[in-house]
Amino acid sequence: MIRMYSADWCGDCRRTESQLNELGVAFEYLDVDAHPEHKARAIEISGKPNIPVVVFPDESYLVEPANFELELKLQQLNLIDQA
């Protein structure tokens, strides 16, 4: 399952969450504000405090992905159909 380290106040996070929902991709929302351990893990994964951090089933990740970048990654992992 995809994990998304995120926060409600983050515009990029809301955009990424919306895109995943529109594409019908299941994901786990991990709130970095409500759970300090999620914030620490997101920084550990990416090496920086930027969010969202989207972690894929193969443990690869994207930080603040553009819509096209996220869609391409999902296609590469066969999580959505090729356009």
C-alpha atoms as a PDB file:
ATOM      1  CA  MET A   1       0.000   0.000   0.000  1.00  0.00           C
ATOM      2  CA  ILE A   2       1.067   3.565  -0.641  1.00  0.00           C
ATOM      3  CA  ARG A   3       1.852   5.680   2.401  1.00  0.00           C
ATOM      4  CA  MET A   4       1.560   9.465   2.268  1.00  0.00           C
ATOM      5  CA  TYR A   5       3.165  11.568   4.984  1.00  0.00           C
ATOM      6  CA  SER A   6       1.105  14.722   4.963  1.00  0.00           C
ATOM      7  CA  ALA A   7      -0.612  17.575   6.819  1.00  0.00           C
ATOM      8  CA  ASP A   8      -4.006  19.235   6.423  1.00  0.00           C
ATOM      9  CA  TRP A   9      -2.527  22.737   5.995  1.00  0.00           C
ATOM     10  CA  CYS A  10      -0.259  21.695   3.102  1.00  0.00           C
ATOM     11  CA  GLY A  11      -1.516  22.657  -0.365  1.00  0.00           C
ATOM     12  CA  ASP A  12       0.745  20.172  -2.170  1.00  0.00           C
ATOM     13  CA  CYS A  13      -0.501  17.459   0.185  1.00  0.00           C
ATOM     14  CA  ARG A  14      -4.142  18.245  -0.574  1.00  0.00           C
ATOM     15  CA  ARG A  15      -3.404  18.233  -4.320  1.00  0.00           C
ATOM     16  CA  THR A  16      -1.601  14.871  -4.120  1.00  0.00           C
ATOM     17  CA  GLU A  17      -4.353  13.365  -1.957  1.00  0.00           C
ATOM     18  CA  SER A  18      -6.963  14.559  -4.438  1.00  0.00           C
ATOM     19  CA  GLN A  19      -5.041  13.076  -7.360  1.00  0.00           C
ATOM     20  CA  LEU A  20      -4.673   9.689  -5.652  1.00  0.00           C
ATOM     21  CA  ASN A  21      -8.401   9.680  -4.870  1.00  0.00           C
ATOM     22  CA  GLU A  22      -9.328  10.655  -8.450  1.00  0.00           C
ATOM     23  CA  LEU A  23      -7.124   7.860  -9.799  1.00  0.00           C
ATOM     24  CA  GLY A  24      -8.721   5.360  -7.398  1.00  0.00           C
ATOM     25  CA  VAL A  25      -5.434   4.530  -5.693  1.00  0.00           C
ATOM     26  CA  ALA A  26      -5.670   3.360  -2.080  1.00  0.00           C
ATOM     27  CA  PHE A  27      -3.224   4.967   0.318  1.00  0.00           C
ATOM     28  CA  GLU A  28      -2.564   5.404   4.006  1.00  0.00           C
ATOM     29  CA  TYR A  29      -2.636   9.034   5.198  1.00  0.00           C
ATOM     30  CA  LEU A  30      -0.016   9.667   7.879  1.00  0.00           C
ATOM     31  CA  ASP A  31      -0.521  13.033   9.583  1.00  0.00           C
ATOM     32  CA  VAL A  32       2.849  14.558  10.468  1.00  0.00           C
ATOM     33  CA  ASP A  33       1.266  17.199  12.721  1.00  0.00           C
ATOM     34  CA  ALA A  34      -0.849  14.825  14.807  1.00  0.00           C
ATOM     35  CA  HIS A  35       1.901  12.215  15.139  1.00  0.00           C
ATOM     36  CA  PRO A  36       5.491  13.414  15.643  1.00  0.00           C
ATOM     37  CA  GLU A  37       6.762   9.925  14.823  1.00  0.00           C
ATOM     38  CA  HIS A  38       5.301  10.286  11.305  1.00  0.00           C
ATOM     39  CA  LYS A  39       7.135  13.578  10.864  1.00  0.00           C
ATOM     40  CA  ALA A  40      10.388  11.993  12.021  1.00  0.00           C
ATOM     41  CA  ARG A  41       9.888   9.021   9.668  1.00  0.00           C
ATOM     42  CA  ALA A  42       9.137  11.278   6.683  1.00  0.00           C
ATOM     43  CA  ILE A  43      12.367  13.192   7.302  1.00  0.00           C
ATOM     44  CA  GLU A  44      14.265   9.922   7.753  1.00  0.00           C
ATOM     45  CA  ILE A  45      12.953   8.658   4.402  1.00  0.00           C
ATOM     46  CA  SER A  46      13.589  11.765   2.329  1.00  0.00           C
ATOM     47  CA  GLY A  47      16.352  13.518   4.235  1.00  0.00           C
ATOM     48  CA  LYS A  48      14.389  16.774   4.315  1.00  0.00           C
ATOM     49  CA  PRO A  49      11.324  18.220   6.046  1.00  0.00           C
ATOM     50  CA  ASN A  50       9.266  18.747   2.860  1.00  0.00           C
ATOM     51  CA  ILE A  51       5.868  17.099   2.490  1.00  0.00           C
ATOM     52  CA  PRO A  52       4.106  15.249   1.088  1.00  0.00           C
ATOM     53  CA  VAL A  53       6.375  12.243   1.062  1.00  0.00           C
ATOM     54  CA  VAL A  54       4.698   9.490  -0.950  1.00  0.00           C
ATOM     55  CA  VAL A  55       6.148   6.025  -0.325  1.00  0.00           C
ATOM     56  CA  PHE A  56       5.295   3.269  -2.796  1.00  0.00           C
ATOM     57  CA  PRO A  57       5.000  -0.499  -2.227  1.00  0.00           C
ATOM     58  CA  ASP A  58       8.535  -1.025  -3.574  1.00  0.00           C
ATOM     59  CA  GLU A  59       9.788   1.485  -0.925  1.00  0.00           C
ATOM     60  CA  SER A  60      10.699   4.095  -3.545  1.00  0.00           C
ATOM     61  CA  TYR A  61       9.347   7.546  -2.766  1.00  0.00           C
ATOM     62  CA  LEU A  62       8.594  10.987  -4.173  1.00  0.00           C
ATOM     63  CA  VAL A  63       8.713  14.282  -2.298  1.00  0.00           C
ATOM     64  CA  GLU A  64       6.304  17.041  -3.328  1.00  0.00           C
ATOM     65  CA  PRO A  65       5.568  15.273  -6.623  1.00  0.00           C
ATOM     66  CA  ALA A  66       4.064  17.142  -9.549  1.00  0.00           C
ATOM     67  CA  ASN A  67       0.873  15.544 -10.873  1.00  0.00           C
ATOM     68  CA  PHE A  68       2.578  14.161 -14.002  1.00  0.00           C
ATOM     69  CA  GLU A  69       5.442  12.757 -11.917  1.00  0.00           C
ATOM     70  CA  LEU A  70       3.098  10.925  -9.540  1.00  0.00           C
ATOM     71  CA  GLU A  71       0.993   9.556 -12.383  1.00  0.00           C
ATOM     72  CA  LEU A  72       4.081   8.303 -14.234  1.00  0.00           C
ATOM     73  CA  LYS A  73       5.370   6.550 -11.105  1.00  0.00           C
ATOM     74  CA  LEU A  74       1.997   4.898 -10.530  1.00  0.00           C
ATOM     75  CA  GLN A  75       2.012   3.679 -14.149  1.00  0.00           C
ATOM     76  CA  GLN A  76       5.566   2.348 -13.831  1.00  0.00           C
ATOM     77  CA  LEU A  77       4.524   0.332 -10.778  1.00  0.00           C
ATOM     78  CA  ASN A  78       1.376  -0.908 -12.573  1.00  0.00           C
ATOM     79  CA  LEU A  79      -0.821   0.683  -9.901  1.00  0.00           C
ATOM     80  CA  ILE A  80      -2.865   2.464 -12.580  1.00  0.00           C
ATOM     81  CA  ASP A  81      -3.380   1.843 -16.294  1.00  0.00           C
ATOM     82  CA  GLN A  82      -1.179   3.569 -18.863  1.00  0.00           C
ATOM     83  CA  ALA A  83      -2.912   6.578 -20.413  1.00  0.00           C
END
